[in-house]
Amino acid sequence: MRLRYFFIGLTAAFMSTAAQAGPQCTQEPRSAWMPADKVLAKATQEVPKLKLFKVTDGNCFEIYGWGQAGEKLEIYYHPVTGEVVKRGSW
């Protein structure tokens, strides 16, 4: 019985950690953010084939897509400055 509760707790801890894997970008109000189309214009230079564009729980613009050489890219942009916060692959 104890082992079952241990695994339930372990699963809950893992899920909460995985949900917060992305960076925290800003606490600024959305009125201070760059327009999304400007970030998309910048992103398409690096990621010409977009799969997904969204706002994360950490208040970042997140883009999934494929780069110039066909590599899978995941890039987080700061919504106020437009700078890349984190870059990786998916």
N, C-alpha and C. Protein backbone atom coordinates (compact mmCIF):
# COMPACT_ATOMS: atom_id res chain seq x y z
N MET A 1 0.83 -1.19 0.00
CA MET A 1 0.00 0.00 0.00
C MET A 1 0.88 1.26 0.00
N ARG A 2 1.91 1.28 0.85
CA ARG A 2 2.80 2.44 0.91
C ARG A 2 3.51 2.67 -0.41
N LEU A 3 3.89 1.56 -1.04
CA LEU A 3 4.58 1.65 -2.31
C LEU A 3 3.70 2.32 -3.37
N ARG A 4 2.43 2.02 -3.35
CA ARG A 4 1.51 2.62 -4.31
C ARG A 4 1.43 4.13 -4.11
N TYR A 5 1.36 4.58 -2.86
CA TYR A 5 1.33 6.03 -2.59
C TYR A 5 2.65 6.70 -2.98
N PHE A 6 3.73 5.97 -2.81
CA PHE A 6 5.03 6.50 -3.21
C PHE A 6 5.04 6.77 -4.71
N PHE A 7 4.57 5.81 -5.51
CA PHE A 7 4.56 5.99 -6.95
C PHE A 7 3.58 7.07 -7.39
N ILE A 8 2.47 7.19 -6.72
CA ILE A 8 1.52 8.26 -7.03
C ILE A 8 2.16 9.61 -6.76
N GLY A 9 2.85 9.75 -5.63
CA GLY A 9 3.54 11.00 -5.30
C GLY A 9 4.67 11.29 -6.26
N LEU A 10 5.42 10.26 -6.62
CA LEU A 10 6.52 10.42 -7.56
C LEU A 10 6.01 10.87 -8.93
N THR A 11 4.92 10.28 -9.38
CA THR A 11 4.32 10.65 -10.66
C THR A 11 3.84 12.10 -10.62
N ALA A 12 3.19 12.51 -9.56
CA ALA A 12 2.71 13.88 -9.45
C ALA A 12 3.88 14.86 -9.44
N ALA A 13 4.95 14.54 -8.75
CA ALA A 13 6.12 15.41 -8.71
C ALA A 13 6.75 15.53 -10.09
N PHE A 14 6.86 14.42 -10.81
CA PHE A 14 7.43 14.43 -12.14
C PHE A 14 6.58 15.26 -13.09
N MET A 15 5.28 15.11 -13.03
CA MET A 15 4.38 15.84 -13.93
C MET A 15 4.45 17.34 -13.66
N SER A 16 4.54 17.76 -12.42
CA SER A 16 4.60 19.19 -12.12
C SER A 16 5.94 19.76 -12.56
N THR A 17 7.02 18.99 -12.49
CA THR A 17 8.33 19.45 -12.95
C THR A 17 8.34 19.55 -14.47
N ALA A 18 7.78 18.57 -15.14
CA ALA A 18 7.77 18.58 -16.59
C ALA A 18 6.93 19.73 -17.13
N ALA A 19 5.88 20.09 -16.45
CA ALA A 19 5.02 21.17 -16.92
C ALA A 19 5.71 22.53 -16.83
N GLN A 20 6.72 22.64 -15.99
CA GLN A 20 7.41 23.91 -15.82
C GLN A 20 8.80 23.88 -16.43
N ALA A 21 9.01 23.07 -17.46
CA ALA A 21 10.32 22.90 -18.05
C ALA A 21 10.79 24.13 -18.82
N GLY A 22 9.86 24.93 -19.34
CA GLY A 22 10.22 26.11 -20.11
C GLY A 22 10.66 27.26 -19.21
N PRO A 23 11.33 28.24 -19.81
CA PRO A 23 11.81 29.37 -19.02
C PRO A 23 10.70 30.32 -18.59
N GLN A 24 10.98 31.10 -17.58
CA GLN A 24 10.09 32.19 -17.15
C GLN A 24 10.65 33.45 -17.80
N CYS A 25 9.88 34.09 -18.66
CA CYS A 25 10.40 35.23 -19.42
C CYS A 25 10.13 36.58 -18.76
N THR A 26 8.88 36.83 -18.38
CA THR A 26 8.56 38.17 -17.88
C THR A 26 7.31 38.16 -17.02
N GLN A 27 7.20 39.20 -16.21
CA GLN A 27 5.98 39.47 -15.46
C GLN A 27 5.33 40.75 -15.97
N GLU A 28 5.90 41.33 -17.02
CA GLU A 28 5.36 42.56 -17.61
C GLU A 28 3.94 42.31 -18.13
N PRO A 29 3.07 43.32 -18.06
CA PRO A 29 1.72 43.15 -18.61
C PRO A 29 1.79 43.00 -20.13
N ARG A 30 0.81 42.35 -20.67
CA ARG A 30 0.80 42.11 -22.12
C ARG A 30 0.79 43.39 -22.93
N SER A 31 0.36 44.48 -22.35
CA SER A 31 0.37 45.75 -23.07
C SER A 31 1.81 46.21 -23.36
N ALA A 32 2.80 45.68 -22.62
CA ALA A 32 4.20 46.03 -22.84
C ALA A 32 4.89 45.08 -23.82
N TRP A 33 4.23 44.03 -24.24
CA TRP A 33 4.81 43.03 -25.12
C TRP A 33 4.88 43.52 -26.55
N MET A 34 5.83 42.98 -27.30
CA MET A 34 5.90 43.23 -28.75
C MET A 34 4.69 42.57 -29.41
N PRO A 35 4.24 43.11 -30.52
CA PRO A 35 3.19 42.41 -31.26
C PRO A 35 3.70 41.05 -31.73
N ALA A 36 2.85 40.06 -31.67
CA ALA A 36 3.23 38.70 -32.04
C ALA A 36 3.71 38.61 -33.49
N ASP A 37 3.15 39.41 -34.38
CA ASP A 37 3.57 39.34 -35.79
C ASP A 37 5.02 39.79 -35.98
N LYS A 38 5.51 40.69 -35.13
CA LYS A 38 6.92 41.09 -35.23
C LYS A 38 7.84 39.96 -34.78
N VAL A 39 7.45 39.24 -33.75
CA VAL A 39 8.25 38.10 -33.30
C VAL A 39 8.20 36.99 -34.35
N LEU A 40 7.04 36.78 -34.94
CA LEU A 40 6.93 35.78 -35.99
C LEU A 40 7.79 36.13 -37.20
N ALA A 41 7.84 37.40 -37.56
CA ALA A 41 8.67 37.82 -38.69
C ALA A 41 10.15 37.53 -38.39
N LYS A 42 10.57 37.79 -37.18
CA LYS A 42 11.95 37.50 -36.78
C LYS A 42 12.19 36.00 -36.75
N ALA A 43 11.23 35.25 -36.24
CA ALA A 43 11.38 33.80 -36.10
C ALA A 43 11.47 33.10 -37.44
N THR A 44 10.73 33.55 -38.43
CA THR A 44 10.73 32.86 -39.72
C THR A 44 12.07 32.99 -40.43
N GLN A 45 12.93 33.90 -39.99
CA GLN A 45 14.29 33.95 -40.54
C GLN A 45 15.09 32.74 -40.08
N GLU A 46 14.85 32.29 -38.85
CA GLU A 46 15.54 31.13 -38.30
C GLU A 46 14.77 29.83 -38.52
N VAL A 47 13.46 29.94 -38.51
CA VAL A 47 12.58 28.78 -38.60
C VAL A 47 11.61 29.01 -39.77
N PRO A 48 12.07 28.74 -41.01
CA PRO A 48 11.22 29.05 -42.15
C PRO A 48 9.95 28.21 -42.26
N LYS A 49 9.95 27.04 -41.65
CA LYS A 49 8.75 26.19 -41.68
C LYS A 49 8.23 26.04 -40.26
N LEU A 50 7.21 26.83 -39.92
CA LEU A 50 6.65 26.82 -38.57
C LEU A 50 5.65 25.69 -38.38
N LYS A 51 5.70 25.11 -37.19
CA LYS A 51 4.71 24.10 -36.80
C LYS A 51 3.74 24.68 -35.79
N LEU A 52 4.28 25.44 -34.80
CA LEU A 52 3.46 25.94 -33.71
C LEU A 52 4.03 27.25 -33.18
N PHE A 53 3.16 28.16 -32.86
CA PHE A 53 3.52 29.42 -32.21
C PHE A 53 2.56 29.60 -31.05
N LYS A 54 3.09 29.78 -29.83
CA LYS A 54 2.20 29.92 -28.68
C LYS A 54 2.86 30.77 -27.60
N VAL A 55 2.04 31.16 -26.63
CA VAL A 55 2.52 31.83 -25.42
C VAL A 55 2.57 30.78 -24.33
N THR A 56 3.70 30.65 -23.67
CA THR A 56 3.88 29.63 -22.63
C THR A 56 3.35 30.09 -21.29
N ASP A 57 3.30 29.17 -20.35
CA ASP A 57 2.92 29.51 -18.98
C ASP A 57 3.93 30.46 -18.34
N GLY A 58 5.17 30.45 -18.83
CA GLY A 58 6.21 31.33 -18.33
C GLY A 58 6.25 32.67 -19.04
N ASN A 59 5.20 32.98 -19.80
CA ASN A 59 5.08 34.24 -20.53
C ASN A 59 6.20 34.45 -21.54
N CYS A 60 6.45 33.43 -22.34
CA CYS A 60 7.39 33.51 -23.46
C CYS A 60 6.62 33.23 -24.74
N PHE A 61 7.12 33.72 -25.86
CA PHE A 61 6.65 33.27 -27.16
C PHE A 61 7.47 32.02 -27.47
N GLU A 62 6.80 30.92 -27.77
CA GLU A 62 7.48 29.67 -28.07
C GLU A 62 7.15 29.25 -29.49
N ILE A 63 8.19 28.86 -30.23
CA ILE A 63 8.02 28.48 -31.63
C ILE A 63 8.61 27.10 -31.84
N TYR A 64 7.86 26.24 -32.51
CA TYR A 64 8.34 24.94 -32.95
C TYR A 64 8.33 24.96 -34.47
N GLY A 65 9.34 24.36 -35.07
CA GLY A 65 9.38 24.27 -36.52
C GLY A 65 10.66 23.63 -36.99
N TRP A 66 10.95 23.83 -38.27
CA TRP A 66 12.13 23.26 -38.90
C TRP A 66 13.01 24.38 -39.43
N GLY A 67 14.31 24.23 -39.20
CA GLY A 67 15.29 25.22 -39.64
C GLY A 67 15.65 25.08 -41.11
N GLN A 68 16.63 25.86 -41.54
CA GLN A 68 17.07 25.89 -42.94
C GLN A 68 17.51 24.51 -43.43
N ALA A 69 18.18 23.75 -42.57
CA ALA A 69 18.69 22.43 -42.95
C ALA A 69 17.72 21.30 -42.62
N GLY A 70 16.50 21.64 -42.22
CA GLY A 70 15.50 20.64 -41.91
C GLY A 70 15.53 20.14 -40.47
N GLU A 71 16.38 20.74 -39.64
CA GLU A 71 16.46 20.32 -38.23
C GLU A 71 15.24 20.84 -37.47
N LYS A 72 14.83 20.07 -36.47
CA LYS A 72 13.70 20.47 -35.63
C LYS A 72 14.18 21.49 -34.61
N LEU A 73 13.48 22.61 -34.50
CA LEU A 73 13.87 23.67 -33.58
C LEU A 73 12.72 24.04 -32.65
N GLU A 74 13.09 24.37 -31.43
CA GLU A 74 12.18 24.92 -30.42
C GLU A 74 12.89 26.15 -29.88
N ILE A 75 12.27 27.32 -30.05
CA ILE A 75 12.90 28.57 -29.63
C ILE A 75 11.92 29.36 -28.79
N TYR A 76 12.42 29.86 -27.65
CA TYR A 76 11.64 30.72 -26.77
C TYR A 76 12.13 32.15 -26.95
N TYR A 77 11.20 33.07 -27.18
CA TYR A 77 11.53 34.49 -27.34
C TYR A 77 10.95 35.29 -26.17
N HIS A 78 11.71 36.27 -25.71
CA HIS A 78 11.23 37.18 -24.68
C HIS A 78 10.19 38.08 -25.33
N PRO A 79 9.00 38.19 -24.78
CA PRO A 79 7.93 38.94 -25.44
C PRO A 79 8.09 40.45 -25.41
N VAL A 80 8.94 40.97 -24.54
CA VAL A 80 9.14 42.42 -24.48
C VAL A 80 10.30 42.84 -25.38
N THR A 81 11.40 42.09 -25.33
CA THR A 81 12.60 42.46 -26.08
C THR A 81 12.71 41.76 -27.43
N GLY A 82 12.07 40.61 -27.56
CA GLY A 82 12.17 39.83 -28.79
C GLY A 82 13.45 39.00 -28.87
N GLU A 83 14.24 39.00 -27.82
CA GLU A 83 15.49 38.23 -27.79
C GLU A 83 15.22 36.75 -27.53
N VAL A 84 16.11 35.89 -28.06
CA VAL A 84 16.02 34.46 -27.80
C VAL A 84 16.40 34.19 -26.37
N VAL A 85 15.53 33.47 -25.65
CA VAL A 85 15.77 33.13 -24.24
C VAL A 85 16.33 31.72 -24.15
N LYS A 86 15.82 30.82 -24.98
CA LYS A 86 16.24 29.42 -24.94
C LYS A 86 16.06 28.83 -26.33
N ARG A 87 17.00 27.99 -26.70
CA ARG A 87 16.94 27.36 -28.02
C ARG A 87 17.25 25.87 -27.85
N GLY A 88 16.54 25.04 -28.56
CA GLY A 88 16.77 23.60 -28.49
C GLY A 88 16.06 22.91 -29.64
N SER A 89 15.91 21.61 -29.50
CA SER A 89 15.17 20.85 -30.49
C SER A 89 14.07 20.06 -29.80
N TRP A 90 13.12 19.61 -30.56
CA TRP A 90 12.00 18.87 -29.99
C TRP A 90 11.98 17.47 -30.55
